Amino acid sequence: MTRPALVIGIGNPDRGDDGVGVEVARQVAFERLDVLALEFDDPSEALDAWDPEDTVVVADAIVSGGQPGDIRVVDVIQQKLPAGNWSAGGTHALGLAAVVELARSLDLMPRRLVVVGVEAGQFDAGAPMSEAVLDALPAAIDAVFNAIDASQGEP
């Protein structure tokens, strides 16, 4: 029996755009029964969530210099996440790029790992998600579905 795809939403829904990863995971789980969705406030928690044979898609807010709502999809088995501030604006103790490289160095990577990042604009405590990020939700969800569907044909 094959394991369901694992969708991990990273972020804090109480900090504005930082909640986008969690919202993406929730909506994907609502629409697809063939996924297991998990939510973590800190990316380092994801290390214990996956196994070597898993297909994993991580959704997170990013700050990469783009416009709020821009979506970036990176297959991190094929390439490293960009260095620097390609994570949620310093809201996590250990950024997603550092967690992925730690997993790579410890030989703890899953079979497939795709990151869907949504460019965020604000992380104020108690603030709602910005309109630009809310408008990007459907495209981010589609990117997660595409990553899952693309992996189903792989050995």
Protein backbone atom coordinates (compact mmCIF):
# COMPACT_ATOMS: atom_id res chain seq x y z
CA MET A 1 0.00 0.00 0.00
CA THR A 2 1.41 3.38 -0.94
CA ARG A 3 1.52 6.15 1.59
CA PRO A 4 -0.51 9.27 0.94
CA ALA A 5 1.31 12.40 -0.12
CA LEU A 6 2.30 14.53 2.85
CA VAL A 7 1.42 18.23 2.72
CA ILE A 8 3.02 20.32 5.44
CA GLY A 9 1.79 23.82 6.12
CA ILE A 10 4.34 25.96 7.94
CA GLY A 11 3.38 29.15 9.74
CA ASN A 12 1.36 30.93 12.34
CA PRO A 13 -2.20 31.91 11.36
CA ASP A 14 -2.15 34.66 14.00
CA ARG A 15 0.68 36.55 12.27
CA GLY A 16 -0.80 37.93 9.06
CA ASP A 17 0.68 36.44 5.90
CA ASP A 18 2.69 33.90 7.91
CA GLY A 19 -0.48 31.78 8.06
CA VAL A 20 -0.61 31.13 4.33
CA GLY A 21 1.21 27.78 4.49
CA VAL A 22 -1.20 26.46 7.10
CA GLU A 23 -4.21 27.68 5.10
CA VAL A 24 -2.89 26.01 1.93
CA ALA A 25 -2.46 22.69 3.78
CA ARG A 26 -5.96 22.93 5.27
CA GLN A 27 -7.59 23.60 1.91
CA VAL A 28 -5.62 20.86 0.16
CA ALA A 29 -6.72 18.38 2.85
CA PHE A 30 -10.32 19.53 2.44
CA GLU A 31 -10.24 18.96 -1.33
CA ARG A 32 -8.16 15.78 -1.55
CA LEU A 33 -8.55 12.59 0.45
CA ASP A 34 -5.26 11.17 -0.87
CA VAL A 35 -3.11 13.50 1.24
CA LEU A 36 -2.11 13.73 4.85
CA ALA A 37 -1.90 17.37 5.92
CA LEU A 38 0.14 18.52 8.89
CA GLU A 39 0.66 21.99 10.35
CA PHE A 40 3.76 23.25 12.11
CA ASP A 41 4.65 26.66 13.44
CA ASP A 42 8.37 25.96 13.03
CA PRO A 43 9.91 24.25 9.96
CA SER A 44 12.27 22.16 12.11
CA GLU A 45 9.25 20.17 13.31
CA ALA A 46 8.80 18.80 9.78
CA LEU A 47 12.00 16.75 9.99
CA ASP A 48 10.27 14.13 12.11
CA ALA A 49 7.16 14.06 9.92
CA TRP A 50 8.48 12.46 6.75
CA ASP A 51 10.05 9.13 5.82
CA PRO A 52 12.51 8.39 2.98
CA GLU A 53 9.80 6.99 0.69
CA ASP A 54 7.43 9.93 1.10
CA THR A 55 6.28 12.56 -1.35
CA VAL A 56 6.26 15.81 0.62
CA VAL A 57 5.02 19.24 -0.35
CA VAL A 58 5.74 22.08 2.06
CA ALA A 59 3.76 25.31 1.84
CA ASP A 60 5.18 28.37 3.58
CA ALA A 61 5.24 32.15 3.48
CA ILE A 62 8.47 33.50 2.04
CA VAL A 63 10.28 36.80 1.80
CA SER A 64 12.43 36.65 -1.32
CA GLY A 65 12.14 40.16 -2.69
CA GLY A 66 9.11 39.54 -4.87
CA GLN A 67 5.66 41.06 -4.73
CA PRO A 68 3.22 39.82 -2.06
CA GLY A 69 1.26 36.93 -3.55
CA ASP A 70 4.02 35.78 -5.91
CA ILE A 71 4.41 32.00 -5.85
CA ARG A 72 7.71 30.16 -6.08
CA VAL A 73 7.88 26.39 -6.51
CA VAL A 74 11.19 24.62 -5.88
CA ASP A 75 11.89 20.89 -6.17
CA VAL A 76 14.51 20.74 -3.43
CA ILE A 77 15.65 17.27 -4.41
CA GLN A 78 16.87 18.86 -7.66
CA GLN A 79 18.13 22.18 -6.26
CA LYS A 80 18.76 23.99 -3.00
CA LEU A 81 16.37 26.62 -1.72
CA PRO A 82 17.84 30.07 -2.24
CA ALA A 83 20.02 31.20 0.64
CA GLY A 84 19.38 34.30 2.69
CA ASN A 85 15.91 35.38 3.69
CA TRP A 86 13.96 32.88 1.55
CA SER A 87 11.73 32.08 4.46
CA ALA A 88 9.01 33.70 6.48
CA GLY A 89 10.67 36.93 7.41
CA GLY A 90 12.56 35.61 10.40
CA THR A 91 9.47 34.35 12.21
CA HIS A 92 10.93 30.84 12.53
CA ALA A 93 13.82 29.88 14.79
CA LEU A 94 15.37 27.86 11.95
CA GLY A 95 14.40 28.79 8.40
CA LEU A 96 13.02 26.27 5.94
CA ALA A 97 16.15 26.39 3.75
CA ALA A 98 18.32 25.53 6.76
CA VAL A 99 15.99 22.68 7.75
CA VAL A 100 16.10 21.22 4.24
CA GLU A 101 19.90 21.39 4.13
CA LEU A 102 20.11 19.82 7.59
CA ALA A 103 17.92 16.96 6.37
CA ARG A 104 20.10 16.62 3.26
CA SER A 105 23.31 16.50 5.31
CA LEU A 106 21.84 13.92 7.71
CA ASP A 107 20.49 11.81 4.82
CA LEU A 108 16.92 12.37 6.04
CA MET A 109 15.39 13.65 2.80
CA PRO A 110 12.15 12.17 1.52
CA ARG A 111 11.96 10.67 -1.97
CA ARG A 112 10.38 13.87 -3.28
CA LEU A 113 10.29 17.27 -1.59
CA VAL A 114 8.72 20.32 -3.20
CA VAL A 115 8.37 23.70 -1.54
CA VAL A 116 5.54 26.02 -2.53
CA GLY A 117 6.40 29.47 -1.22
CA VAL A 118 4.00 32.40 -1.23
CA GLU A 119 5.61 35.82 -1.08
CA ALA A 120 4.38 37.54 2.06
CA GLY A 121 4.19 41.19 2.95
CA GLN A 122 3.35 41.49 6.64
CA PHE A 123 3.70 39.39 9.77
CA ASP A 124 2.09 41.58 12.42
CA ALA A 125 0.66 39.72 15.41
CA GLY A 126 -3.11 39.55 15.21
CA ALA A 127 -3.28 40.83 11.63
CA PRO A 128 -5.28 39.03 8.94
CA MET A 129 -3.68 37.79 5.74
CA SER A 130 -3.17 40.53 3.17
CA GLU A 131 -5.44 40.70 0.12
CA ALA A 132 -2.54 39.84 -2.20
CA VAL A 133 -1.77 36.65 -0.29
CA LEU A 134 -5.45 35.70 -0.01
CA ASP A 135 -5.76 36.18 -3.78
CA ALA A 136 -2.77 33.86 -4.30
CA LEU A 137 -4.29 30.97 -2.32
CA PRO A 138 -5.96 29.22 -5.30
CA ALA A 139 -2.73 29.27 -7.34
CA ALA A 140 -0.71 28.02 -4.35
CA ILE A 141 -3.18 25.17 -3.81
CA ASP A 142 -2.98 24.28 -7.52
CA ALA A 143 0.83 24.25 -7.26
CA VAL A 144 0.57 21.74 -4.39
CA PHE A 145 -1.83 19.55 -6.40
CA ASN A 146 0.50 19.71 -9.42
CA ALA A 147 3.48 18.63 -7.31
CA ILE A 148 1.52 15.70 -5.87
CA ASP A 149 0.14 14.62 -9.26
CA ALA A 150 3.57 14.85 -10.92
CA SER A 151 5.06 12.54 -8.33
CA GLN A 152 2.40 9.85 -8.75
CA GLY A 153 3.86 8.79 -12.08
CA GLU A 154 7.39 8.47 -10.69
CA PRO A 155 8.90 5.18 -9.54
